[in-house]
Amino acid sequence: MALIAGAMVGANQQALHERGHDVACRITSVTQRHGSQHINYEYRVNCDGGAPSTINDTVMPPEDVTVGQRVVLRYDASGAALTSWPRTPPMAKSR
């Protein structure tokens, strides 16, 4: 099971590397959703070029998110790979 999950993550990262592009976005809102075992977060984003429009806490952990913050996301417009957040220092927050 772990091998399958590892292969899927690797394939996703390869697809992002080959087809994805970096897009600058501003986080416009944070919504907290209470599941049966977890609290999940969904973030609305306004990105250059219009997409993506939402991301979730699998892309960015909630402790790294502030409304109004500018971030750079790696995005695959074909939808074949999940959006990711490069683990580099976030862009400066605007005031």
PDB file of N, CA and C in Angstrom:
ATOM      1  N   MET A   1       0.826  -1.184   0.000  1.00  0.00           N
ATOM      2  CA  MET A   1       0.000   0.000   0.000  1.00  0.00           C
ATOM      3  C   MET A   1       0.874   1.253   0.000  1.00  0.00           C
ATOM      4  N   ALA A   2       1.925   1.275   0.823  1.00  0.00           N
ATOM      5  CA  ALA A   2       2.814   2.439   0.882  1.00  0.00           C
ATOM      6  C   ALA A   2       3.531   2.644  -0.444  1.00  0.00           C
ATOM      7  N   LEU A   3       3.864   1.571  -1.134  1.00  0.00           N
ATOM      8  CA  LEU A   3       4.525   1.692  -2.433  1.00  0.00           C
ATOM      9  C   LEU A   3       3.612   2.355  -3.454  1.00  0.00           C
ATOM     10  N   ILE A   4       2.339   1.995  -3.434  1.00  0.00           N
ATOM     11  CA  ILE A   4       1.372   2.594  -4.361  1.00  0.00           C
ATOM     12  C   ILE A   4       1.236   4.078  -4.070  1.00  0.00           C
ATOM     13  N   ALA A   5       1.080   4.440  -2.805  1.00  0.00           N
ATOM     14  CA  ALA A   5       0.952   5.855  -2.436  1.00  0.00           C
ATOM     15  C   ALA A   5       2.210   6.615  -2.818  1.00  0.00           C
ATOM     16  N   GLY A   6       3.360   6.048  -2.571  1.00  0.00           N
ATOM     17  CA  GLY A   6       4.620   6.689  -2.941  1.00  0.00           C
ATOM     18  C   GLY A   6       4.741   6.885  -4.441  1.00  0.00           C
ATOM     19  N   ALA A   7       4.317   5.895  -5.206  1.00  0.00           N
ATOM     20  CA  ALA A   7       4.363   6.000  -6.667  1.00  0.00           C
ATOM     21  C   ALA A   7       3.422   7.087  -7.161  1.00  0.00           C
ATOM     22  N   MET A   8       2.229   7.199  -6.537  1.00  0.00           N
ATOM     23  CA  MET A   8       1.272   8.230  -6.938  1.00  0.00           C
ATOM     24  C   MET A   8       1.817   9.620  -6.653  1.00  0.00           C
ATOM     25  N   VAL A   9       2.432   9.804  -5.489  1.00  0.00           N
ATOM     26  CA  VAL A   9       3.022  11.100  -5.147  1.00  0.00           C
ATOM     27  C   VAL A   9       4.133  11.430  -6.120  1.00  0.00           C
ATOM     28  N   GLY A  10       4.973  10.463  -6.423  1.00  0.00           N
ATOM     29  CA  GLY A  10       6.053  10.680  -7.382  1.00  0.00           C
ATOM     30  C   GLY A  10       5.536  11.038  -8.765  1.00  0.00           C
ATOM     31  N   ALA A  11       4.491  10.376  -9.216  1.00  0.00           N
ATOM     32  CA  ALA A  11       3.904  10.667 -10.521  1.00  0.00           C
ATOM     33  C   ALA A  11       3.301  12.067 -10.535  1.00  0.00           C
ATOM     34  N   ASN A  12       2.657  12.463  -9.434  1.00  0.00           N
ATOM     35  CA  ASN A  12       2.087  13.800  -9.336  1.00  0.00           C
ATOM     36  C   ASN A  12       3.188  14.859  -9.420  1.00  0.00           C
ATOM     37  N   GLN A  13       4.274  14.654  -8.694  1.00  0.00           N
ATOM     38  CA  GLN A  13       5.371  15.611  -8.711  1.00  0.00           C
ATOM     39  C   GLN A  13       6.018  15.683 -10.097  1.00  0.00           C
ATOM     40  N   GLN A  14       6.141  14.558 -10.770  1.00  0.00           N
ATOM     41  CA  GLN A  14       6.707  14.542 -12.124  1.00  0.00           C
ATOM     42  C   GLN A  14       5.793  15.304 -13.085  1.00  0.00           C
ATOM     43  N   ALA A  15       4.480  15.093 -12.984  1.00  0.00           N
ATOM     44  CA  ALA A  15       3.536  15.806 -13.851  1.00  0.00           C
ATOM     45  C   ALA A  15       3.614  17.308 -13.611  1.00  0.00           C
ATOM     46  N   LEU A  16       3.707  17.730 -12.335  1.00  0.00           N
ATOM     47  CA  LEU A  16       3.842  19.153 -12.039  1.00  0.00           C
ATOM     48  C   LEU A  16       5.135  19.713 -12.617  1.00  0.00           C
ATOM     49  N   HIS A  17       6.201  18.959 -12.523  1.00  0.00           N
ATOM     50  CA  HIS A  17       7.484  19.407 -13.052  1.00  0.00           C
ATOM     51  C   HIS A  17       7.411  19.589 -14.566  1.00  0.00           C
ATOM     52  N   GLU A  18       6.767  18.645 -15.257  1.00  0.00           N
ATOM     53  CA  GLU A  18       6.722  18.673 -16.717  1.00  0.00           C
ATOM     54  C   GLU A  18       5.694  19.642 -17.273  1.00  0.00           C
ATOM     55  N   ARG A  19       4.487  19.671 -16.688  1.00  0.00           N
ATOM     56  CA  ARG A  19       3.400  20.451 -17.273  1.00  0.00           C
ATOM     57  C   ARG A  19       2.995  21.670 -16.459  1.00  0.00           C
ATOM     58  N   GLY A  20       3.373  21.695 -15.193  1.00  0.00           N
ATOM     59  CA  GLY A  20       2.920  22.773 -14.339  1.00  0.00           C
ATOM     60  C   GLY A  20       3.674  24.065 -14.559  1.00  0.00           C
ATOM     61  N   HIS A  21       3.123  25.131 -14.001  1.00  0.00           N
ATOM     62  CA  HIS A  21       3.802  26.419 -14.028  1.00  0.00           C
ATOM     63  C   HIS A  21       3.520  27.132 -12.709  1.00  0.00           C
ATOM     64  N   ASP A  22       4.404  28.044 -12.357  1.00  0.00           N
ATOM     65  CA  ASP A  22       4.224  28.812 -11.130  1.00  0.00           C
ATOM     66  C   ASP A  22       3.246  29.939 -11.396  1.00  0.00           C
ATOM     67  N   VAL A  23       2.364  30.156 -10.433  1.00  0.00           N
ATOM     68  CA  VAL A  23       1.381  31.225 -10.548  1.00  0.00           C
ATOM     69  C   VAL A  23       1.329  31.971  -9.217  1.00  0.00           C
ATOM     70  N   ALA A  24       1.337  33.299  -9.295  1.00  0.00           N
ATOM     71  CA  ALA A  24       1.257  34.130  -8.091  1.00  0.00           C
ATOM     72  C   ALA A  24      -0.208  34.302  -7.706  1.00  0.00           C
ATOM     73  N   CYS A  25      -0.494  34.151  -6.411  1.00  0.00           N
ATOM     74  CA  CYS A  25      -1.868  34.210  -5.916  1.00  0.00           C
ATOM     75  C   CYS A  25      -1.935  35.016  -4.618  1.00  0.00           C
ATOM     76  N   ARG A  26      -3.114  35.554  -4.349  1.00  0.00           N
ATOM     77  CA  ARG A  26      -3.391  36.185  -3.063  1.00  0.00           C
ATOM     78  C   ARG A  26      -4.486  35.373  -2.376  1.00  0.00           C
ATOM     79  N   ILE A  27      -4.283  35.047  -1.112  1.00  0.00           N
ATOM     80  CA  ILE A  27      -5.298  34.308  -0.347  1.00  0.00           C
ATOM     81  C   ILE A  27      -6.377  35.308   0.057  1.00  0.00           C
ATOM     82  N   THR A  28      -7.634  35.027  -0.350  1.00  0.00           N
ATOM     83  CA  THR A  28      -8.727  35.968  -0.093  1.00  0.00           C
ATOM     84  C   THR A  28      -9.627  35.556   1.053  1.00  0.00           C
ATOM     85  N   SER A  29      -9.685  34.273   1.374  1.00  0.00           N
ATOM     86  CA  SER A  29     -10.490  33.827   2.520  1.00  0.00           C
ATOM     87  C   SER A  29     -10.052  32.443   2.968  1.00  0.00           C
ATOM     88  N   VAL A  30     -10.371  32.137   4.213  1.00  0.00           N
ATOM     89  CA  VAL A  30     -10.081  30.824   4.797  1.00  0.00           C
ATOM     90  C   VAL A  30     -11.380  30.302   5.394  1.00  0.00           C
ATOM     91  N   THR A  31     -11.758  29.086   5.022  1.00  0.00           N
ATOM     92  CA  THR A  31     -12.958  28.454   5.569  1.00  0.00           C
ATOM     93  C   THR A  31     -12.549  27.201   6.321  1.00  0.00           C
ATOM     94  N   GLN A  32     -13.015  27.096   7.551  1.00  0.00           N
ATOM     95  CA  GLN A  32     -12.717  25.934   8.384  1.00  0.00           C
ATOM     96  C   GLN A  32     -13.904  24.979   8.311  1.00  0.00           C
ATOM     97  N   ARG A  33     -13.649  23.724   8.020  1.00  0.00           N
ATOM     98  CA  ARG A  33     -14.707  22.710   7.929  1.00  0.00           C
ATOM     99  C   ARG A  33     -14.398  21.606   8.947  1.00  0.00           C
ATOM    100  N   HIS A  34     -15.415  21.274   9.730  1.00  0.00           N
ATOM    101  CA  HIS A  34     -15.249  20.246  10.759  1.00  0.00           C
ATOM    102  C   HIS A  34     -15.720  18.909  10.204  1.00  0.00           C
ATOM    103  N   GLY A  35     -14.777  17.988  10.061  1.00  0.00           N
ATOM    104  CA  GLY A  35     -15.107  16.638   9.634  1.00  0.00           C
ATOM    105  C   GLY A  35     -15.312  15.761  10.851  1.00  0.00           C
ATOM    106  N   SER A  36     -15.518  14.481  10.635  1.00  0.00           N
ATOM    107  CA  SER A  36     -15.738  13.563  11.752  1.00  0.00           C
ATOM    108  C   SER A  36     -14.484  13.374  12.601  1.00  0.00           C
ATOM    109  N   GLN A  37     -13.314  13.454  11.988  1.00  0.00           N
ATOM    110  CA  GLN A  37     -12.079  13.244  12.737  1.00  0.00           C
ATOM    111  C   GLN A  37     -11.079  14.392  12.594  1.00  0.00           C
ATOM    112  N   HIS A  38     -11.286  15.277  11.646  1.00  0.00           N
ATOM    113  CA  HIS A  38     -10.314  16.338  11.383  1.00  0.00           C
ATOM    114  C   HIS A  38     -11.011  17.674  11.208  1.00  0.00           C
ATOM    115  N   ILE A  39     -10.240  18.721  11.351  1.00  0.00           N
ATOM    116  CA  ILE A  39     -10.655  20.044  10.909  1.00  0.00           C
ATOM    117  C   ILE A  39      -9.902  20.297   9.614  1.00  0.00           C
ATOM    118  N   ASN A  40     -10.636  20.567   8.556  1.00  0.00           N
ATOM    119  CA  ASN A  40     -10.035  20.829   7.248  1.00  0.00           C
ATOM    120  C   ASN A  40     -10.177  22.307   6.919  1.00  0.00           C
ATOM    121  N   TYR A  41      -9.245  22.820   6.142  1.00  0.00           N
ATOM    122  CA  TYR A  41      -9.265  24.220   5.734  1.00  0.00           C
ATOM    123  C   TYR A  41      -9.294  24.312   4.223  1.00  0.00           C
ATOM    124  N   GLU A  42     -10.127  25.229   3.723  1.00  0.00           N
ATOM    125  CA  GLU A  42     -10.163  25.535   2.300  1.00  0.00           C
ATOM    126  C   GLU A  42      -9.862  27.010   2.156  1.00  0.00           C
ATOM    127  N   TYR A  43      -9.016  27.341   1.189  1.00  0.00           N
ATOM    128  CA  TYR A  43      -8.602  28.713   0.972  1.00  0.00           C
ATOM    129  C   TYR A  43      -9.066  29.168  -0.401  1.00  0.00           C
ATOM    130  N   ARG A  44      -9.736  30.308  -0.463  1.00  0.00           N
ATOM    131  CA  ARG A  44     -10.056  30.928  -1.746  1.00  0.00           C
ATOM    132  C   ARG A  44      -8.846  31.759  -2.123  1.00  0.00           C
ATOM    133  N   VAL A  45      -8.447  31.659  -3.375  1.00  0.00           N
ATOM    134  CA  VAL A  45      -7.290  32.393  -3.851  1.00  0.00           C
ATOM    135  C   VAL A  45      -7.626  33.135  -5.141  1.00  0.00           C
ATOM    136  N   ASN A  46      -7.017  34.277  -5.306  1.00  0.00           N
ATOM    137  CA  ASN A  46      -7.142  35.062  -6.529  1.00  0.00           C
ATOM    138  C   ASN A  46      -5.786  35.012  -7.202  1.00  0.00           C
ATOM    139  N   CYS A  47      -5.695  34.225  -8.266  1.00  0.00           N
ATOM    140  CA  CYS A  47      -4.403  33.975  -8.914  1.00  0.00           C
ATOM    141  C   CYS A  47      -4.303  34.703 -10.248  1.00  0.00           C
ATOM    142  N   ASP A  48      -3.090  35.105 -10.588  1.00  0.00           N
ATOM    143  CA  ASP A  48      -2.831  35.661 -11.916  1.00  0.00           C
ATOM    144  C   ASP A  48      -3.254  34.611 -12.941  1.00  0.00           C
ATOM    145  N   GLY A  49      -4.054  34.990 -13.891  1.00  0.00           N
ATOM    146  CA  GLY A  49      -4.536  34.040 -14.886  1.00  0.00           C
ATOM    147  C   GLY A  49      -5.839  33.371 -14.476  1.00  0.00           C
ATOM    148  N   GLY A  50      -6.304  33.567 -13.234  1.00  0.00           N
ATOM    149  CA  GLY A  50      -7.607  33.090 -12.811  1.00  0.00           C
ATOM    150  C   GLY A  50      -7.683  31.701 -12.200  1.00  0.00           C
ATOM    151  N   ALA A  51      -6.647  30.914 -12.283  1.00  0.00           N
ATOM    152  CA  ALA A  51      -6.728  29.563 -11.736  1.00  0.00           C
ATOM    153  C   ALA A  51      -5.443  29.224 -11.014  1.00  0.00           C
ATOM    154  N   PRO A  52      -5.525  28.418  -9.995  1.00  0.00           N
ATOM    155  CA  PRO A  52      -6.726  27.841  -9.388  1.00  0.00           C
ATOM    156  C   PRO A  52      -7.493  28.900  -8.584  1.00  0.00           C
ATOM    157  N   SER A  53      -8.744  28.579  -8.215  1.00  0.00           N
ATOM    158  CA  SER A  53      -9.538  29.516  -7.415  1.00  0.00           C
ATOM    159  C   SER A  53      -9.626  29.081  -5.958  1.00  0.00           C
ATOM    160  N   THR A  54      -9.386  27.810  -5.689  1.00  0.00           N
ATOM    161  CA  THR A  54      -9.365  27.314  -4.307  1.00  0.00           C
ATOM    162  C   THR A  54      -8.231  26.309  -4.153  1.00  0.00           C
ATOM    163  N   ILE A  55      -7.704  26.244  -2.945  1.00  0.00           N
ATOM    164  CA  ILE A  55      -6.761  25.203  -2.558  1.00  0.00           C
ATOM    165  C   ILE A  55      -7.157  24.768  -1.157  1.00  0.00           C
ATOM    166  N   ASN A  56      -6.530  23.730  -0.646  1.00  0.00           N
ATOM    167  CA  ASN A  56      -6.875  23.289   0.702  1.00  0.00           C
ATOM    168  C   ASN A  56      -5.631  23.034   1.531  1.00  0.00           C
ATOM    169  N   ASP A  57      -5.854  22.549   2.732  1.00  0.00           N
ATOM    170  CA  ASP A  57      -4.730  22.373   3.659  1.00  0.00           C
ATOM    171  C   ASP A  57      -3.810  21.214   3.300  1.00  0.00           C
ATOM    172  N   THR A  58      -4.109  20.465   2.247  1.00  0.00           N
ATOM    173  CA  THR A  58      -3.122  19.494   1.766  1.00  0.00           C
ATOM    174  C   THR A  58      -2.054  20.205   0.936  1.00  0.00           C
ATOM    175  N   VAL A  59      -2.372  21.404   0.427  1.00  0.00           N
ATOM    176  CA  VAL A  59      -1.424  22.204  -0.337  1.00  0.00           C
ATOM    177  C   VAL A  59      -0.599  23.092   0.589  1.00  0.00           C
ATOM    178  N   MET A  60      -1.267  23.766   1.513  1.00  0.00           N
ATOM    179  CA  MET A  60      -0.599  24.665   2.460  1.00  0.00           C
ATOM    180  C   MET A  60      -1.154  24.423   3.851  1.00  0.00           C
ATOM    181  N   PRO A  61      -0.310  24.188   4.832  1.00  0.00           N
ATOM    182  CA  PRO A  61      -0.800  24.003   6.206  1.00  0.00           C
ATOM    183  C   PRO A  61      -1.375  25.305   6.745  1.00  0.00           C
ATOM    184  N   PRO A  62      -2.434  25.237   7.563  1.00  0.00           N
ATOM    185  CA  PRO A  62      -3.110  26.456   8.027  1.00  0.00           C
ATOM    186  C   PRO A  62      -2.203  27.407   8.800  1.00  0.00           C
ATOM    187  N   GLU A  63      -1.198  26.899   9.475  1.00  0.00           N
ATOM    188  CA  GLU A  63      -0.311  27.785  10.234  1.00  0.00           C
ATOM    189  C   GLU A  63       0.545  28.660   9.318  1.00  0.00           C
ATOM    190  N   ASP A  64       0.593  28.348   8.015  1.00  0.00           N
ATOM    191  CA  ASP A  64       1.357  29.141   7.057  1.00  0.00           C
ATOM    192  C   ASP A  64       0.484  30.086   6.236  1.00  0.00           C
ATOM    193  N   VAL A  65      -0.804  30.218   6.576  1.00  0.00           N
ATOM    194  CA  VAL A  65      -1.743  30.965   5.750  1.00  0.00           C
ATOM    195  C   VAL A  65      -2.304  32.173   6.504  1.00  0.00           C
ATOM    196  N   THR A  66      -2.325  33.313   5.806  1.00  0.00           N
ATOM    197  CA  THR A  66      -2.941  34.530   6.312  1.00  0.00           C
ATOM    198  C   THR A  66      -3.737  35.155   5.171  1.00  0.00           C
ATOM    199  N   VAL A  67      -4.964  35.593   5.441  1.00  0.00           N
ATOM    200  CA  VAL A  67      -5.757  36.281   4.421  1.00  0.00           C
ATOM    201  C   VAL A  67      -4.986  37.521   3.976  1.00  0.00           C
ATOM    202  N   GLY A  68      -4.908  37.717   2.676  1.00  0.00           N
ATOM    203  CA  GLY A  68      -4.170  38.829   2.103  1.00  0.00           C
ATOM    204  C   GLY A  68      -2.750  38.458   1.703  1.00  0.00           C
ATOM    205  N   GLN A  69      -2.288  37.332   2.144  1.00  0.00           N
ATOM    206  CA  GLN A  69      -0.924  36.873   1.858  1.00  0.00           C
ATOM    207  C   GLN A  69      -0.773  36.547   0.375  1.00  0.00           C
ATOM    208  N   ARG A  70       0.367  36.891  -0.194  1.00  0.00           N
ATOM    209  CA  ARG A  70       0.701  36.515  -1.564  1.00  0.00           C
ATOM    210  C   ARG A  70       1.571  35.260  -1.507  1.00  0.00           C
ATOM    211  N   VAL A  71       1.256  34.286  -2.345  1.00  0.00           N
ATOM    212  CA  VAL A  71       2.005  33.036  -2.411  1.00  0.00           C
ATOM    213  C   VAL A  71       2.218  32.661  -3.878  1.00  0.00           C
ATOM    214  N   VAL A  72       3.187  31.823  -4.100  1.00  0.00           N
ATOM    215  CA  VAL A  72       3.409  31.265  -5.434  1.00  0.00           C
ATOM    216  C   VAL A  72       3.064  29.785  -5.352  1.00  0.00           C
ATOM    217  N   LEU A  73       2.152  29.344  -6.231  1.00  0.00           N
ATOM    218  CA  LEU A  73       1.735  27.945  -6.286  1.00  0.00           C
ATOM    219  C   LEU A  73       2.221  27.330  -7.588  1.00  0.00           C
ATOM    220  N   ARG A  74       2.454  26.036  -7.564  1.00  0.00           N
ATOM    221  CA  ARG A  74       2.772  25.279  -8.778  1.00  0.00           C
ATOM    222  C   ARG A  74       1.468  24.661  -9.230  1.00  0.00           C
ATOM    223  N   TYR A  75       1.016  24.991 -10.434  1.00  0.00           N
ATOM    224  CA  TYR A  75      -0.320  24.634 -10.899  1.00  0.00           C
ATOM    225  C   TYR A  75      -0.260  23.959 -12.262  1.00  0.00           C
ATOM    226  N   ASP A  76      -0.996  22.861 -12.412  1.00  0.00           N
ATOM    227  CA  ASP A  76      -1.108  22.143 -13.680  1.00  0.00           C
ATOM    228  C   ASP A  76      -2.504  22.404 -14.240  1.00  0.00           C
ATOM    229  N   ALA A  77      -2.586  23.250 -15.243  1.00  0.00           N
ATOM    230  CA  ALA A  77      -3.884  23.635 -15.812  1.00  0.00           C
ATOM    231  C   ALA A  77      -4.638  22.465 -16.427  1.00  0.00           C
ATOM    232  N   SER A  78      -3.944  21.390 -16.793  1.00  0.00           N
ATOM    233  CA  SER A  78      -4.626  20.234 -17.382  1.00  0.00           C
ATOM    234  C   SER A  78      -5.415  19.450 -16.334  1.00  0.00           C
ATOM    235  N   GLY A  79      -5.099  19.691 -15.068  1.00  0.00           N
ATOM    236  CA  GLY A  79      -5.787  18.970 -14.001  1.00  0.00           C
ATOM    237  C   GLY A  79      -5.207  17.597 -13.710  1.00  0.00           C
ATOM    238  N   ALA A  80      -4.147  17.238 -14.399  1.00  0.00           N
ATOM    239  CA  ALA A  80      -3.561  15.914 -14.223  1.00  0.00           C
ATOM    240  C   ALA A  80      -2.756  15.787 -12.935  1.00  0.00           C
ATOM    241  N   ALA A  81      -2.342  16.919 -12.381  1.00  0.00           N
ATOM    242  CA  ALA A  81      -1.547  16.879 -11.153  1.00  0.00           C
ATOM    243  C   ALA A  81      -2.135  17.854 -10.137  1.00  0.00           C
ATOM    244  N   LEU A  82      -1.964  17.523  -8.886  1.00  0.00           N
ATOM    245  CA  LEU A  82      -2.468  18.375  -7.824  1.00  0.00           C
ATOM    246  C   LEU A  82      -1.599  19.615  -7.681  1.00  0.00           C
ATOM    247  N   THR A  83      -2.231  20.729  -7.333  1.00  0.00           N
ATOM    248  CA  THR A  83      -1.507  21.968  -7.085  1.00  0.00           C
ATOM    249  C   THR A  83      -0.594  21.783  -5.885  1.00  0.00           C
ATOM    250  N   SER A  84       0.573  22.392  -5.922  1.00  0.00           N
ATOM    251  CA  SER A  84       1.480  22.304  -4.788  1.00  0.00           C
ATOM    252  C   SER A  84       2.005  23.684  -4.427  1.00  0.00           C
ATOM    253  N   TRP A  85       2.537  23.765  -3.242  1.00  0.00           N
ATOM    254  CA  TRP A  85       3.151  24.981  -2.732  1.00  0.00           C
ATOM    255  C   TRP A  85       4.618  24.691  -2.554  1.00  0.00           C
ATOM    256  N   PRO A  86       5.470  25.321  -3.369  1.00  0.00           N
ATOM    257  CA  PRO A  86       6.902  25.085  -3.194  1.00  0.00           C
ATOM    258  C   PRO A  86       7.321  25.455  -1.778  1.00  0.00           C
ATOM    259  N   ARG A  87       8.108  24.661  -1.163  1.00  0.00           N
ATOM    260  CA  ARG A  87       8.527  24.889   0.234  1.00  0.00           C
ATOM    261  C   ARG A  87       9.650  25.913   0.298  1.00  0.00           C
ATOM    262  N   THR A  88       9.369  27.076  -0.257  1.00  0.00           N
ATOM    263  CA  THR A  88      10.297  28.193  -0.182  1.00  0.00           C
ATOM    264  C   THR A  88       9.665  29.259   0.679  1.00  0.00           C
ATOM    265  N   PRO A  89      10.422  30.230   1.169  1.00  0.00           N
ATOM    266  CA  PRO A  89       9.823  31.263   2.009  1.00  0.00           C
ATOM    267  C   PRO A  89       8.673  31.958   1.278  1.00  0.00           C
ATOM    268  N   PRO A  90       7.538  32.212   1.975  1.00  0.00           N
ATOM    269  CA  PRO A  90       6.405  32.862   1.342  1.00  0.00           C
ATOM    270  C   PRO A  90       6.745  34.291   0.920  1.00  0.00           C
ATOM    271  N   MET A  91       6.021  34.772  -0.062  1.00  0.00           N
ATOM    272  CA  MET A  91       6.201  36.146  -0.506  1.00  0.00           C
ATOM    273  C   MET A  91       5.774  37.089   0.629  1.00  0.00           C
ATOM    274  N   ALA A  92       6.262  38.288   0.599  1.00  0.00           N
ATOM    275  CA  ALA A  92       5.937  39.255   1.657  1.00  0.00           C
ATOM    276  C   ALA A  92       4.439  39.492   1.723  1.00  0.00           C
ATOM    277  N   LYS A  93       3.915  39.589   2.923  1.00  0.00           N
ATOM    278  CA  LYS A  93       2.498  39.861   3.113  1.00  0.00           C
ATOM    279  C   LYS A  93       2.252  41.338   2.836  1.00  0.00           C
ATOM    280  N   SER A  94       1.176  41.621   2.140  1.00  0.00           N
ATOM    281  CA  SER A  94       0.841  43.022   1.878  1.00  0.00           C
ATOM    282  C   SER A  94       0.040  43.570   3.043  1.00  0.00           C
ATOM    283  N   ARG A  95       0.078  44.841   3.192  1.00  0.00           N
ATOM    284  CA  ARG A  95      -0.669  45.474   4.290  1.00  0.00           C
ATOM    285  C   ARG A  95      -1.753  46.342   3.771  1.00  0.00           C
TER     286      ARG A  95
END
